[in-house]
Amino acid sequence: MEGLLRYLTGEQRAEFNPVPIPLKKGYATFHHPLMVHGSYENKSDRPRRAFVLNVFADGTVSNTDDELLKGVPPISKGQKMEGKFFPLLFG
């Protein structure tokens, strides 16, 4: 978390007040993608595992012809985000 400090202005650093959210083993958090988040050093002898799921509204279209994720075929600009790597989820 301290690594973020070098990117903040003095005023932002003064207001920076991380709020820990302790989680039990197997628990997860959900947050807005623009929310600053992170974790402190893993001091255990076991690896920390993470899973990231980015969700967007059905009908969202690509804004680039570039590869969005390494190894995933590009979705042409203006084309609907869909297919094997961008499945439609039902709640």
PDB file of N, CA and C in Angstrom:
ATOM      1  N   MET A   1       0.821  -1.195   0.000  1.00  0.00           N
ATOM      2  CA  MET A   1       0.000   0.000   0.000  1.00  0.00           C
ATOM      3  C   MET A   1       0.865   1.259   0.000  1.00  0.00           C
ATOM      4  N   GLU A   2       2.029   1.188   0.592  1.00  0.00           N
ATOM      5  CA  GLU A   2       2.881   2.380   0.637  1.00  0.00           C
ATOM      6  C   GLU A   2       3.382   2.773  -0.749  1.00  0.00           C
ATOM      7  N   GLY A   3       3.431   1.809  -1.689  1.00  0.00           N
ATOM      8  CA  GLY A   3       3.896   2.102  -3.036  1.00  0.00           C
ATOM      9  C   GLY A   3       3.050   3.147  -3.736  1.00  0.00           C
ATOM     10  N   LEU A   4       1.802   3.252  -3.377  1.00  0.00           N
ATOM     11  CA  LEU A   4       0.905   4.222  -3.977  1.00  0.00           C
ATOM     12  C   LEU A   4       1.290   5.653  -3.595  1.00  0.00           C
ATOM     13  N   LEU A   5       1.872   5.823  -2.436  1.00  0.00           N
ATOM     14  CA  LEU A   5       2.144   7.166  -1.918  1.00  0.00           C
ATOM     15  C   LEU A   5       2.998   8.008  -2.847  1.00  0.00           C
ATOM     16  N   ARG A   6       3.912   7.391  -3.582  1.00  0.00           N
ATOM     17  CA  ARG A   6       4.804   8.172  -4.449  1.00  0.00           C
ATOM     18  C   ARG A   6       4.049   8.817  -5.612  1.00  0.00           C
ATOM     19  N   TYR A   7       2.830   8.368  -5.888  1.00  0.00           N
ATOM     20  CA  TYR A   7       2.029   8.920  -6.981  1.00  0.00           C
ATOM     21  C   TYR A   7       1.040   9.976  -6.517  1.00  0.00           C
ATOM     22  N   LEU A   8       0.949  10.196  -5.219  1.00  0.00           N
ATOM     23  CA  LEU A   8      -0.008  11.149  -4.671  1.00  0.00           C
ATOM     24  C   LEU A   8       0.626  12.505  -4.431  1.00  0.00           C
ATOM     25  N   THR A   9      -0.168  13.546  -4.538  1.00  0.00           N
ATOM     26  CA  THR A   9       0.302  14.883  -4.180  1.00  0.00           C
ATOM     27  C   THR A   9       0.406  14.958  -2.658  1.00  0.00           C
ATOM     28  N   GLY A  10       1.022  15.992  -2.152  1.00  0.00           N
ATOM     29  CA  GLY A  10       1.122  16.181  -0.708  1.00  0.00           C
ATOM     30  C   GLY A  10      -0.254  16.230  -0.064  1.00  0.00           C
ATOM     31  N   GLU A  11      -1.179  16.928  -0.699  1.00  0.00           N
ATOM     32  CA  GLU A  11      -2.539  17.025  -0.170  1.00  0.00           C
ATOM     33  C   GLU A  11      -3.216  15.659  -0.166  1.00  0.00           C
ATOM     34  N   GLN A  12      -3.043  14.897  -1.231  1.00  0.00           N
ATOM     35  CA  GLN A  12      -3.635  13.557  -1.295  1.00  0.00           C
ATOM     36  C   GLN A  12      -3.029  12.636  -0.249  1.00  0.00           C
ATOM     37  N   ARG A  13      -1.705  12.732  -0.055  1.00  0.00           N
ATOM     38  CA  ARG A  13      -1.044  11.902   0.974  1.00  0.00           C
ATOM     39  C   ARG A  13      -1.578  12.231   2.358  1.00  0.00           C
ATOM     40  N   ALA A  14      -1.816  13.512   2.610  1.00  0.00           N
ATOM     41  CA  ALA A  14      -2.326  13.929   3.915  1.00  0.00           C
ATOM     42  C   ALA A  14      -3.718  13.350   4.181  1.00  0.00           C
ATOM     43  N   GLU A  15      -4.498  13.177   3.124  1.00  0.00           N
ATOM     44  CA  GLU A  15      -5.859  12.651   3.260  1.00  0.00           C
ATOM     45  C   GLU A  15      -5.920  11.131   3.129  1.00  0.00           C
ATOM     46  N   PHE A  16      -4.819  10.513   2.713  1.00  0.00           N
ATOM     47  CA  PHE A  16      -4.808   9.066   2.484  1.00  0.00           C
ATOM     48  C   PHE A  16      -4.915   8.343   3.816  1.00  0.00           C
ATOM     49  N   ASN A  17      -5.990   7.584   3.965  1.00  0.00           N
ATOM     50  CA  ASN A  17      -6.243   6.887   5.224  1.00  0.00           C
ATOM     51  C   ASN A  17      -6.835   5.511   4.911  1.00  0.00           C
ATOM     52  N   PRO A  18      -5.969   4.536   4.585  1.00  0.00           N
ATOM     53  CA  PRO A  18      -6.493   3.209   4.240  1.00  0.00           C
ATOM     54  C   PRO A  18      -7.333   2.623   5.364  1.00  0.00           C
ATOM     55  N   VAL A  19      -8.420   1.990   4.997  1.00  0.00           N
ATOM     56  CA  VAL A  19      -9.301   1.335   5.955  1.00  0.00           C
ATOM     57  C   VAL A  19      -9.232  -0.167   5.702  1.00  0.00           C
ATOM     58  N   PRO A  20      -8.650  -0.920   6.633  1.00  0.00           N
ATOM     59  CA  PRO A  20      -8.537  -2.364   6.411  1.00  0.00           C
ATOM     60  C   PRO A  20      -9.897  -3.053   6.454  1.00  0.00           C
ATOM     61  N   ILE A  21     -10.029  -4.056   5.613  1.00  0.00           N
ATOM     62  CA  ILE A  21     -11.224  -4.897   5.608  1.00  0.00           C
ATOM     63  C   ILE A  21     -10.737  -6.326   5.830  1.00  0.00           C
ATOM     64  N   PRO A  22     -10.636  -6.754   7.092  1.00  0.00           N
ATOM     65  CA  PRO A  22     -10.151  -8.116   7.364  1.00  0.00           C
ATOM     66  C   PRO A  22     -11.116  -9.143   6.772  1.00  0.00           C
ATOM     67  N   LEU A  23     -10.558 -10.118   6.091  1.00  0.00           N
ATOM     68  CA  LEU A  23     -11.368 -11.164   5.478  1.00  0.00           C
ATOM     69  C   LEU A  23     -10.964 -12.522   6.012  1.00  0.00           C
ATOM     70  N   LYS A  24     -11.947 -13.360   6.200  1.00  0.00           N
ATOM     71  CA  LYS A  24     -11.671 -14.731   6.595  1.00  0.00           C
ATOM     72  C   LYS A  24     -11.226 -15.524   5.363  1.00  0.00           C
ATOM     73  N   LYS A  25     -10.562 -16.621   5.585  1.00  0.00           N
ATOM     74  CA  LYS A  25     -10.117 -17.493   4.513  1.00  0.00           C
ATOM     75  C   LYS A  25     -11.296 -17.837   3.602  1.00  0.00           C
ATOM     76  N   GLY A  26     -11.103 -17.649   2.290  1.00  0.00           N
ATOM     77  CA  GLY A  26     -12.138 -17.968   1.324  1.00  0.00           C
ATOM     78  C   GLY A  26     -13.134 -16.856   1.060  1.00  0.00           C
ATOM     79  N   TYR A  27     -13.063 -15.744   1.792  1.00  0.00           N
ATOM     80  CA  TYR A  27     -13.975 -14.631   1.595  1.00  0.00           C
ATOM     81  C   TYR A  27     -13.472 -13.743   0.452  1.00  0.00           C
ATOM     82  N   ALA A  28     -14.330 -12.855  -0.028  1.00  0.00           N
ATOM     83  CA  ALA A  28     -13.975 -11.977  -1.134  1.00  0.00           C
ATOM     84  C   ALA A  28     -14.559 -10.590  -0.917  1.00  0.00           C
ATOM     85  N   THR A  29     -14.033  -9.641  -1.652  1.00  0.00           N
ATOM     86  CA  THR A  29     -14.587  -8.289  -1.643  1.00  0.00           C
ATOM     87  C   THR A  29     -15.006  -7.925  -3.060  1.00  0.00           C
ATOM     88  N   PHE A  30     -15.973  -7.037  -3.155  1.00  0.00           N
ATOM     89  CA  PHE A  30     -16.391  -6.490  -4.435  1.00  0.00           C
ATOM     90  C   PHE A  30     -16.303  -4.988  -4.308  1.00  0.00           C
ATOM     91  N   HIS A  31     -15.727  -4.341  -5.297  1.00  0.00           N
ATOM     92  CA  HIS A  31     -15.612  -2.891  -5.238  1.00  0.00           C
ATOM     93  C   HIS A  31     -15.590  -2.300  -6.642  1.00  0.00           C
ATOM     94  N   HIS A  32     -15.823  -1.015  -6.703  1.00  0.00           N
ATOM     95  CA  HIS A  32     -15.807  -0.282  -7.963  1.00  0.00           C
ATOM     96  C   HIS A  32     -14.388  -0.322  -8.530  1.00  0.00           C
ATOM     97  N   PRO A  33     -14.237  -0.462  -9.857  1.00  0.00           N
ATOM     98  CA  PRO A  33     -12.904  -0.557 -10.428  1.00  0.00           C
ATOM     99  C   PRO A  33     -12.037   0.693 -10.238  1.00  0.00           C
ATOM    100  N   LEU A  34     -12.634   1.832  -9.959  1.00  0.00           N
ATOM    101  CA  LEU A  34     -11.844   3.036  -9.728  1.00  0.00           C
ATOM    102  C   LEU A  34     -11.486   3.230  -8.253  1.00  0.00           C
ATOM    103  N   MET A  35     -11.941   2.328  -7.400  1.00  0.00           N
ATOM    104  CA  MET A  35     -11.600   2.417  -5.981  1.00  0.00           C
ATOM    105  C   MET A  35     -10.144   1.978  -5.783  1.00  0.00           C
ATOM    106  N   VAL A  36      -9.393   2.807  -5.088  1.00  0.00           N
ATOM    107  CA  VAL A  36      -8.017   2.428  -4.767  1.00  0.00           C
ATOM    108  C   VAL A  36      -8.084   1.261  -3.783  1.00  0.00           C
ATOM    109  N   HIS A  37      -7.404   0.182  -4.122  1.00  0.00           N
ATOM    110  CA  HIS A  37      -7.432  -0.993  -3.257  1.00  0.00           C
ATOM    111  C   HIS A  37      -6.102  -1.733  -3.378  1.00  0.00           C
ATOM    112  N   GLY A  38      -5.832  -2.544  -2.427  1.00  0.00           N
ATOM    113  CA  GLY A  38      -4.589  -3.307  -2.434  1.00  0.00           C
ATOM    114  C   GLY A  38      -4.456  -4.076  -1.148  1.00  0.00           C
ATOM    115  N   SER A  39      -3.289  -4.651  -0.964  1.00  0.00           N
ATOM    116  CA  SER A  39      -3.040  -5.400   0.261  1.00  0.00           C
ATOM    117  C   SER A  39      -1.596  -5.197   0.676  1.00  0.00           C
ATOM    118  N   TYR A  40      -1.367  -5.444   1.926  1.00  0.00           N
ATOM    119  CA  TYR A  40      -0.006  -5.337   2.434  1.00  0.00           C
ATOM    120  C   TYR A  40       0.752  -6.621   2.140  1.00  0.00           C
ATOM    121  N   GLU A  41       2.012  -6.621   2.423  1.00  0.00           N
ATOM    122  CA  GLU A  41       2.893  -7.757   2.176  1.00  0.00           C
ATOM    123  C   GLU A  41       2.330  -9.059   2.761  1.00  0.00           C
ATOM    124  N   ASN A  42       2.452 -10.118   1.996  1.00  0.00           N
ATOM    125  CA  ASN A  42       2.072 -11.451   2.459  1.00  0.00           C
ATOM    126  C   ASN A  42       3.234 -11.998   3.282  1.00  0.00           C
ATOM    127  N   LYS A  43       3.065 -12.087   4.581  1.00  0.00           N
ATOM    128  CA  LYS A  43       4.146 -12.548   5.459  1.00  0.00           C
ATOM    129  C   LYS A  43       4.025 -14.031   5.796  1.00  0.00           C
ATOM    130  N   SER A  44       3.050 -14.717   5.183  1.00  0.00           N
ATOM    131  CA  SER A  44       2.901 -16.144   5.430  1.00  0.00           C
ATOM    132  C   SER A  44       3.849 -16.924   4.523  1.00  0.00           C
ATOM    133  N   ASP A  45       3.935 -18.220   4.754  1.00  0.00           N
ATOM    134  CA  ASP A  45       4.780 -19.064   3.910  1.00  0.00           C
ATOM    135  C   ASP A  45       3.973 -19.654   2.748  1.00  0.00           C
ATOM    136  N   ARG A  46       2.741 -19.187   2.570  1.00  0.00           N
ATOM    137  CA  ARG A  46       1.876 -19.679   1.496  1.00  0.00           C
ATOM    138  C   ARG A  46       1.580 -18.548   0.511  1.00  0.00           C
ATOM    139  N   PRO A  47       1.409 -18.890  -0.756  1.00  0.00           N
ATOM    140  CA  PRO A  47       1.106 -17.845  -1.733  1.00  0.00           C
ATOM    141  C   PRO A  47      -0.279 -17.261  -1.516  1.00  0.00           C
ATOM    142  N   ARG A  48      -0.414 -15.999  -1.831  1.00  0.00           N
ATOM    143  CA  ARG A  48      -1.722 -15.349  -1.801  1.00  0.00           C
ATOM    144  C   ARG A  48      -2.309 -15.496  -3.200  1.00  0.00           C
ATOM    145  N   ARG A  49      -3.506 -15.963  -3.267  1.00  0.00           N
ATOM    146  CA  ARG A  49      -4.157 -16.158  -4.567  1.00  0.00           C
ATOM    147  C   ARG A  49      -5.248 -15.110  -4.747  1.00  0.00           C
ATOM    148  N   ALA A  50      -5.434 -14.725  -5.988  1.00  0.00           N
ATOM    149  CA  ALA A  50      -6.448 -13.714  -6.290  1.00  0.00           C
ATOM    150  C   ALA A  50      -7.189 -14.105  -7.558  1.00  0.00           C
ATOM    151  N   PHE A  51      -8.393 -13.625  -7.664  1.00  0.00           N
ATOM    152  CA  PHE A  51      -9.222 -13.842  -8.840  1.00  0.00           C
ATOM    153  C   PHE A  51      -9.861 -12.508  -9.173  1.00  0.00           C
ATOM    154  N   VAL A  52      -9.726 -12.075 -10.404  1.00  0.00           N
ATOM    155  CA  VAL A  52     -10.302 -10.799 -10.824  1.00  0.00           C
ATOM    156  C   VAL A  52     -11.397 -11.074 -11.845  1.00  0.00           C
ATOM    157  N   LEU A  53     -12.545 -10.495 -11.613  1.00  0.00           N
ATOM    158  CA  LEU A  53     -13.667 -10.625 -12.522  1.00  0.00           C
ATOM    159  C   LEU A  53     -14.140  -9.217 -12.863  1.00  0.00           C
ATOM    160  N   ASN A  54     -13.960  -8.822 -14.102  1.00  0.00           N
ATOM    161  CA  ASN A  54     -14.437  -7.518 -14.552  1.00  0.00           C
ATOM    162  C   ASN A  54     -15.782  -7.718 -15.227  1.00  0.00           C
ATOM    163  N   VAL A  55     -16.774  -6.956 -14.808  1.00  0.00           N
ATOM    164  CA  VAL A  55     -18.132  -7.100 -15.313  1.00  0.00           C
ATOM    165  C   VAL A  55     -18.570  -5.770 -15.918  1.00  0.00           C
ATOM    166  N   PHE A  56     -19.248  -5.861 -17.063  1.00  0.00           N
ATOM    167  CA  PHE A  56     -19.803  -4.661 -17.677  1.00  0.00           C
ATOM    168  C   PHE A  56     -21.149  -5.004 -18.284  1.00  0.00           C
ATOM    169  N   ALA A  57     -21.918  -4.006 -18.614  1.00  0.00           N
ATOM    170  CA  ALA A  57     -23.290  -4.184 -19.090  1.00  0.00           C
ATOM    171  C   ALA A  57     -23.336  -4.890 -20.441  1.00  0.00           C
ATOM    172  N   ASP A  58     -24.365  -5.714 -20.626  1.00  0.00           N
ATOM    173  CA  ASP A  58     -24.609  -6.332 -21.920  1.00  0.00           C
ATOM    174  C   ASP A  58     -24.788  -5.222 -22.955  1.00  0.00           C
ATOM    175  N   GLY A  59     -24.168  -5.380 -24.099  1.00  0.00           N
ATOM    176  CA  GLY A  59     -24.246  -4.356 -25.139  1.00  0.00           C
ATOM    177  C   GLY A  59     -23.032  -3.451 -25.178  1.00  0.00           C
ATOM    178  N   THR A  60     -22.124  -3.577 -24.194  1.00  0.00           N
ATOM    179  CA  THR A  60     -20.899  -2.784 -24.196  1.00  0.00           C
ATOM    180  C   THR A  60     -20.090  -3.123 -25.440  1.00  0.00           C
ATOM    181  N   VAL A  61     -19.552  -2.105 -26.102  1.00  0.00           N
ATOM    182  CA  VAL A  61     -18.763  -2.320 -27.307  1.00  0.00           C
ATOM    183  C   VAL A  61     -17.296  -1.975 -27.056  1.00  0.00           C
ATOM    184  N   SER A  62     -16.436  -2.589 -27.830  1.00  0.00           N
ATOM    185  CA  SER A  62     -14.999  -2.329 -27.734  1.00  0.00           C
ATOM    186  C   SER A  62     -14.697  -0.916 -28.204  1.00  0.00           C
ATOM    187  N   ASN A  63     -13.726  -0.289 -27.571  1.00  0.00           N
ATOM    188  CA  ASN A  63     -13.320   1.059 -27.937  1.00  0.00           C
ATOM    189  C   ASN A  63     -11.939   1.061 -28.586  1.00  0.00           C
ATOM    190  N   THR A  64     -11.449  -0.131 -28.969  1.00  0.00           N
ATOM    191  CA  THR A  64     -10.113  -0.226 -29.549  1.00  0.00           C
ATOM    192  C   THR A  64     -10.001  -1.475 -30.417  1.00  0.00           C
ATOM    193  N   ASP A  65      -9.080  -1.441 -31.336  1.00  0.00           N
ATOM    194  CA  ASP A  65      -8.752  -2.623 -32.128  1.00  0.00           C
ATOM    195  C   ASP A  65      -7.601  -3.392 -31.495  1.00  0.00           C
ATOM    196  N   ASP A  66      -7.029  -2.856 -30.428  1.00  0.00           N
ATOM    197  CA  ASP A  66      -5.890  -3.477 -29.745  1.00  0.00           C
ATOM    198  C   ASP A  66      -6.333  -4.679 -28.917  1.00  0.00           C
ATOM    199  N   GLU A  67      -5.386  -5.541 -28.616  1.00  0.00           N
ATOM    200  CA  GLU A  67      -5.626  -6.685 -27.732  1.00  0.00           C
ATOM    201  C   GLU A  67      -5.969  -6.152 -26.347  1.00  0.00           C
ATOM    202  N   LEU A  68      -7.083  -6.596 -25.775  1.00  0.00           N
ATOM    203  CA  LEU A  68      -7.505  -6.130 -24.453  1.00  0.00           C
ATOM    204  C   LEU A  68      -6.825  -6.922 -23.342  1.00  0.00           C
ATOM    205  N   LEU A  69      -6.659  -8.217 -23.545  1.00  0.00           N
ATOM    206  CA  LEU A  69      -6.004  -9.096 -22.582  1.00  0.00           C
ATOM    207  C   LEU A  69      -5.010  -9.961 -23.345  1.00  0.00           C
ATOM    208  N   LYS A  70      -3.834 -10.150 -22.786  1.00  0.00           N
ATOM    209  CA  LYS A  70      -2.814 -10.951 -23.449  1.00  0.00           C
ATOM    210  C   LYS A  70      -3.360 -12.345 -23.765  1.00  0.00           C
ATOM    211  N   GLY A  71      -3.225 -12.754 -25.016  1.00  0.00           N
ATOM    212  CA  GLY A  71      -3.662 -14.071 -25.431  1.00  0.00           C
ATOM    213  C   GLY A  71      -5.127 -14.172 -25.818  1.00  0.00           C
ATOM    214  N   VAL A  72      -5.857 -13.071 -25.689  1.00  0.00           N
ATOM    215  CA  VAL A  72      -7.286 -13.059 -26.033  1.00  0.00           C
ATOM    216  C   VAL A  72      -7.436 -12.329 -27.368  1.00  0.00           C
ATOM    217  N   PRO A  73      -8.095 -12.948 -28.347  1.00  0.00           N
ATOM    218  CA  PRO A  73      -8.271 -12.275 -29.636  1.00  0.00           C
ATOM    219  C   PRO A  73      -8.964 -10.927 -29.473  1.00  0.00           C
ATOM    220  N   PRO A  74      -8.496  -9.916 -30.195  1.00  0.00           N
ATOM    221  CA  PRO A  74      -9.110  -8.580 -30.074  1.00  0.00           C
ATOM    222  C   PRO A  74     -10.567  -8.578 -30.524  1.00  0.00           C
ATOM    223  N   ILE A  75     -11.334  -7.687 -29.931  1.00  0.00           N
ATOM    224  CA  ILE A  75     -12.700  -7.389 -30.377  1.00  0.00           C
ATOM    225  C   ILE A  75     -12.578  -6.063 -31.119  1.00  0.00           C
ATOM    226  N   SER A  76     -12.940  -6.043 -32.374  1.00  0.00           N
ATOM    227  CA  SER A  76     -12.788  -4.832 -33.182  1.00  0.00           C
ATOM    228  C   SER A  76     -13.546  -3.657 -32.586  1.00  0.00           C
ATOM    229  N   LYS A  77     -12.976  -2.467 -32.739  1.00  0.00           N
ATOM    230  CA  LYS A  77     -13.600  -1.248 -32.238  1.00  0.00           C
ATOM    231  C   LYS A  77     -15.020  -1.144 -32.771  1.00  0.00           C
ATOM    232  N   GLY A  78     -15.971  -0.883 -31.866  1.00  0.00           N
ATOM    233  CA  GLY A  78     -17.372  -0.744 -32.223  1.00  0.00           C
ATOM    234  C   GLY A  78     -18.152  -2.050 -32.179  1.00  0.00           C
ATOM    235  N   GLN A  79     -17.439  -3.177 -32.020  1.00  0.00           N
ATOM    236  CA  GLN A  79     -18.106  -4.477 -31.958  1.00  0.00           C
ATOM    237  C   GLN A  79     -18.496  -4.800 -30.517  1.00  0.00           C
ATOM    238  N   LYS A  80     -19.580  -5.520 -30.356  1.00  0.00           N
ATOM    239  CA  LYS A  80     -20.064  -5.909 -29.031  1.00  0.00           C
ATOM    240  C   LYS A  80     -19.055  -6.821 -28.348  1.00  0.00           C
ATOM    241  N   MET A  81     -18.849  -6.579 -27.068  1.00  0.00           N
ATOM    242  CA  MET A  81     -17.972  -7.422 -26.246  1.00  0.00           C
ATOM    243  C   MET A  81     -18.736  -8.713 -25.956  1.00  0.00           C
ATOM    244  N   GLU A  82     -18.322  -9.805 -26.587  1.00  0.00           N
ATOM    245  CA  GLU A  82     -19.017 -11.078 -26.416  1.00  0.00           C
ATOM    246  C   GLU A  82     -18.079 -12.204 -26.823  1.00  0.00           C
ATOM    247  N   GLY A  83     -18.541 -13.419 -26.629  1.00  0.00           N
ATOM    248  CA  GLY A  83     -17.760 -14.577 -27.035  1.00  0.00           C
ATOM    249  C   GLY A  83     -17.173 -15.318 -25.849  1.00  0.00           C
ATOM    250  N   LYS A  84     -16.302 -16.242 -26.142  1.00  0.00           N
ATOM    251  CA  LYS A  84     -15.701 -17.142 -25.135  1.00  0.00           C
ATOM    252  C   LYS A  84     -15.072 -16.394 -23.962  1.00  0.00           C
ATOM    253  N   PHE A  85     -14.401 -15.294 -24.239  1.00  0.00           N
ATOM    254  CA  PHE A  85     -13.686 -14.574 -23.184  1.00  0.00           C
ATOM    255  C   PHE A  85     -14.502 -13.453 -22.545  1.00  0.00           C
ATOM    256  N   PHE A  86     -15.659 -13.168 -23.099  1.00  0.00           N
ATOM    257  CA  PHE A  86     -16.541 -12.119 -22.572  1.00  0.00           C
ATOM    258  C   PHE A  86     -17.973 -12.649 -22.527  1.00  0.00           C
ATOM    259  N   PRO A  87     -18.227 -13.665 -21.700  1.00  0.00           N
ATOM    260  CA  PRO A  87     -19.555 -14.297 -21.693  1.00  0.00           C
ATOM    261  C   PRO A  87     -20.617 -13.423 -21.016  1.00  0.00           C
ATOM    262  N   LEU A  88     -21.851 -13.668 -21.395  1.00  0.00           N
ATOM    263  CA  LEU A  88     -22.979 -13.000 -20.767  1.00  0.00           C
ATOM    264  C   LEU A  88     -23.304 -13.735 -19.472  1.00  0.00           C
ATOM    265  N   LEU A  89     -23.357 -12.998 -18.370  1.00  0.00           N
ATOM    266  CA  LEU A  89     -23.657 -13.592 -17.066  1.00  0.00           C
ATOM    267  C   LEU A  89     -25.117 -13.362 -16.711  1.00  0.00           C
ATOM    268  N   PHE A  90     -25.696 -14.330 -16.041  1.00  0.00           N
ATOM    269  CA  PHE A  90     -27.067 -14.204 -15.574  1.00  0.00           C
ATOM    270  C   PHE A  90     -27.073 -14.267 -14.056  1.00  0.00           C
ATOM    271  N   GLY A  91     -27.878 -13.428 -13.417  1.00  0.00           N
ATOM    272  CA  GLY A  91     -27.900 -13.368 -11.963  1.00  0.00           C
ATOM    273  C   GLY A  91     -28.988 -14.144 -11.323  1.00  0.00           C
TER     274      GLY A  91
END
